[in-house]
Amino acid sequence: MTNLTISIDEAVVRQARVRAIQEGTSVSAKVRDFLAVYAQGGMPQQTAAQEFIAAARSSEANRSGQRWSRADAHDRPYPGTAGKAPGR
């Protein structure tokens, strides 16, 4: 295994050590895991986001072109009003 020297703000390292201890690991292990994923060309969150966008683009939902207005998005019954308009 190769050693790597990096410069990181002392406060960040301190916080990272605390969090690593809480997670039962070490800062070195977290850095190794991050670099392994990074070296392979992706990050789990980025990959998930890209897959979500691809799925949305290929979806057959709403192919009719219907548009929703802001009012449509917020048109819902309020608790205790049973369909009455708010404030009435």
C-alpha atoms as a PDB file:
ATOM      1  CA  MET A   1       0.000   0.000   0.000  1.00  0.00           C
ATOM      2  CA  THR A   2       1.243   3.497  -0.844  1.00  0.00           C
ATOM      3  CA  ASN A   3       1.305   6.395   1.601  1.00  0.00           C
ATOM      4  CA  LEU A   4      -0.178   9.709   0.454  1.00  0.00           C
ATOM      5  CA  THR A   5       0.503  13.078   2.030  1.00  0.00           C
ATOM      6  CA  ILE A   6      -2.216  15.705   1.734  1.00  0.00           C
ATOM      7  CA  SER A   7      -2.861  19.072   3.371  1.00  0.00           C
ATOM      8  CA  ILE A   8      -6.218  19.485   5.071  1.00  0.00           C
ATOM      9  CA  ASP A   9      -7.472  22.110   7.491  1.00  0.00           C
ATOM     10  CA  GLU A  10      -6.895  20.947  11.081  1.00  0.00           C
ATOM     11  CA  ALA A  11     -10.513  21.566  12.115  1.00  0.00           C
ATOM     12  CA  VAL A  12     -11.769  19.437   9.236  1.00  0.00           C
ATOM     13  CA  VAL A  13      -9.459  16.580  10.200  1.00  0.00           C
ATOM     14  CA  ARG A  14     -10.604  16.818  13.820  1.00  0.00           C
ATOM     15  CA  GLN A  15     -14.274  16.655  12.791  1.00  0.00           C
ATOM     16  CA  ALA A  16     -13.550  13.799  10.381  1.00  0.00           C
ATOM     17  CA  ARG A  17     -11.829  11.802  13.143  1.00  0.00           C
ATOM     18  CA  VAL A  18     -14.798  12.243  15.463  1.00  0.00           C
ATOM     19  CA  ARG A  19     -17.246  11.166  12.780  1.00  0.00           C
ATOM     20  CA  ALA A  20     -15.092   8.209  11.750  1.00  0.00           C
ATOM     21  CA  ILE A  21     -14.941   7.019  15.371  1.00  0.00           C
ATOM     22  CA  GLN A  22     -18.736   7.335  15.614  1.00  0.00           C
ATOM     23  CA  GLU A  23     -19.028   5.183  12.483  1.00  0.00           C
ATOM     24  CA  GLY A  24     -16.517   2.631  13.754  1.00  0.00           C
ATOM     25  CA  THR A  25     -13.912   3.355  11.098  1.00  0.00           C
ATOM     26  CA  SER A  26     -10.933   5.622  10.493  1.00  0.00           C
ATOM     27  CA  VAL A  27     -10.261   8.704   8.411  1.00  0.00           C
ATOM     28  CA  SER A  28      -7.720   6.711   6.399  1.00  0.00           C
ATOM     29  CA  ALA A  29     -10.331   4.060   5.596  1.00  0.00           C
ATOM     30  CA  LYS A  30     -12.837   6.732   4.515  1.00  0.00           C
ATOM     31  CA  VAL A  31     -10.240   8.406   2.266  1.00  0.00           C
ATOM     32  CA  ARG A  32      -9.298   4.996   0.778  1.00  0.00           C
ATOM     33  CA  ASP A  33     -12.970   4.228   0.066  1.00  0.00           C
ATOM     34  CA  PHE A  34     -13.544   7.653  -1.486  1.00  0.00           C
ATOM     35  CA  LEU A  35     -10.466   7.421  -3.708  1.00  0.00           C
ATOM     36  CA  ALA A  36     -11.347   3.898  -4.841  1.00  0.00           C
ATOM     37  CA  VAL A  37     -14.797   5.040  -5.998  1.00  0.00           C
ATOM     38  CA  TYR A  38     -13.389   8.235  -7.484  1.00  0.00           C
ATOM     39  CA  ALA A  39     -10.667   6.356  -9.383  1.00  0.00           C
ATOM     40  CA  GLN A  40     -13.271   4.046 -10.903  1.00  0.00           C
ATOM     41  CA  GLY A  41     -14.991   7.042 -12.434  1.00  0.00           C
ATOM     42  CA  GLY A  42     -18.008   7.712 -10.326  1.00  0.00           C
ATOM     43  CA  MET A  43     -19.618   8.615  -7.101  1.00  0.00           C
ATOM     44  CA  PRO A  44     -22.701   6.718  -5.887  1.00  0.00           C
ATOM     45  CA  GLN A  45     -24.813   9.881  -5.605  1.00  0.00           C
ATOM     46  CA  GLN A  46     -23.786  11.125  -9.036  1.00  0.00           C
ATOM     47  CA  THR A  47     -24.436   7.744 -10.585  1.00  0.00           C
ATOM     48  CA  ALA A  48     -27.871   7.544  -8.954  1.00  0.00           C
ATOM     49  CA  ALA A  49     -28.733  11.053 -10.093  1.00  0.00           C
ATOM     50  CA  GLN A  50     -27.652  10.316 -13.669  1.00  0.00           C
ATOM     51  CA  GLU A  51     -29.704   7.094 -13.698  1.00  0.00           C
ATOM     52  CA  PHE A  52     -32.745   8.961 -12.349  1.00  0.00           C
ATOM     53  CA  ILE A  53     -32.461  11.633 -15.044  1.00  0.00           C
ATOM     54  CA  ALA A  54     -32.057   8.989 -17.757  1.00  0.00           C
ATOM     55  CA  ALA A  55     -35.123   7.122 -16.471  1.00  0.00           C
ATOM     56  CA  ALA A  56     -37.167  10.334 -16.362  1.00  0.00           C
ATOM     57  CA  ARG A  57     -36.197  11.199 -19.933  1.00  0.00           C
ATOM     58  CA  SER A  58     -37.117   7.748 -21.222  1.00  0.00           C
ATOM     59  CA  SER A  59     -40.380   7.597 -19.254  1.00  0.00           C
ATOM     60  CA  GLU A  60     -43.641   7.282 -21.146  1.00  0.00           C
ATOM     61  CA  ALA A  61     -45.481   9.223 -18.434  1.00  0.00           C
ATOM     62  CA  ASN A  62     -47.180  12.419 -19.540  1.00  0.00           C
ATOM     63  CA  ARG A  63     -46.419  11.980 -23.225  1.00  0.00           C
ATOM     64  CA  SER A  64     -49.609  13.963 -23.867  1.00  0.00           C
ATOM     65  CA  GLY A  65     -47.720  17.124 -22.944  1.00  0.00           C
ATOM     66  CA  GLN A  66     -50.019  18.151 -20.105  1.00  0.00           C
ATOM     67  CA  ARG A  67     -48.546  20.972 -18.036  1.00  0.00           C
ATOM     68  CA  TRP A  68     -49.097  21.595 -14.349  1.00  0.00           C
ATOM     69  CA  SER A  69     -49.501  25.090 -12.991  1.00  0.00           C
ATOM     70  CA  ARG A  70     -48.320  26.245  -9.589  1.00  0.00           C
ATOM     71  CA  ALA A  71     -51.964  26.349  -8.479  1.00  0.00           C
ATOM     72  CA  ASP A  72     -52.420  22.710  -9.570  1.00  0.00           C
ATOM     73  CA  ALA A  73     -49.408  21.669  -7.570  1.00  0.00           C
ATOM     74  CA  HIS A  74     -50.745  23.309  -4.419  1.00  0.00           C
ATOM     75  CA  ASP A  75     -54.417  22.391  -4.897  1.00  0.00           C
ATOM     76  CA  ARG A  76     -55.036  19.979  -2.045  1.00  0.00           C
ATOM     77  CA  PRO A  77     -57.397  19.725   0.895  1.00  0.00           C
ATOM     78  CA  TYR A  78     -56.184  21.190   4.149  1.00  0.00           C
ATOM     79  CA  PRO A  79     -56.564  19.192   7.372  1.00  0.00           C
ATOM     80  CA  GLY A  80     -59.967  19.767   8.936  1.00  0.00           C
ATOM     81  CA  THR A  81     -61.410  21.655   5.969  1.00  0.00           C
ATOM     82  CA  ALA A  82     -62.739  18.655   4.028  1.00  0.00           C
ATOM     83  CA  GLY A  83     -62.414  20.363   0.655  1.00  0.00           C
ATOM     84  CA  LYS A  84     -63.296  23.905   1.728  1.00  0.00           C
ATOM     85  CA  ALA A  85     -61.093  26.693   0.494  1.00  0.00           C
ATOM     86  CA  PRO A  86     -58.497  27.848   3.035  1.00  0.00           C
ATOM     87  CA  GLY A  87     -59.595  30.736   5.224  1.00  0.00           C
ATOM     88  CA  ARG A  88     -63.301  30.073   4.779  1.00  0.00           C
END
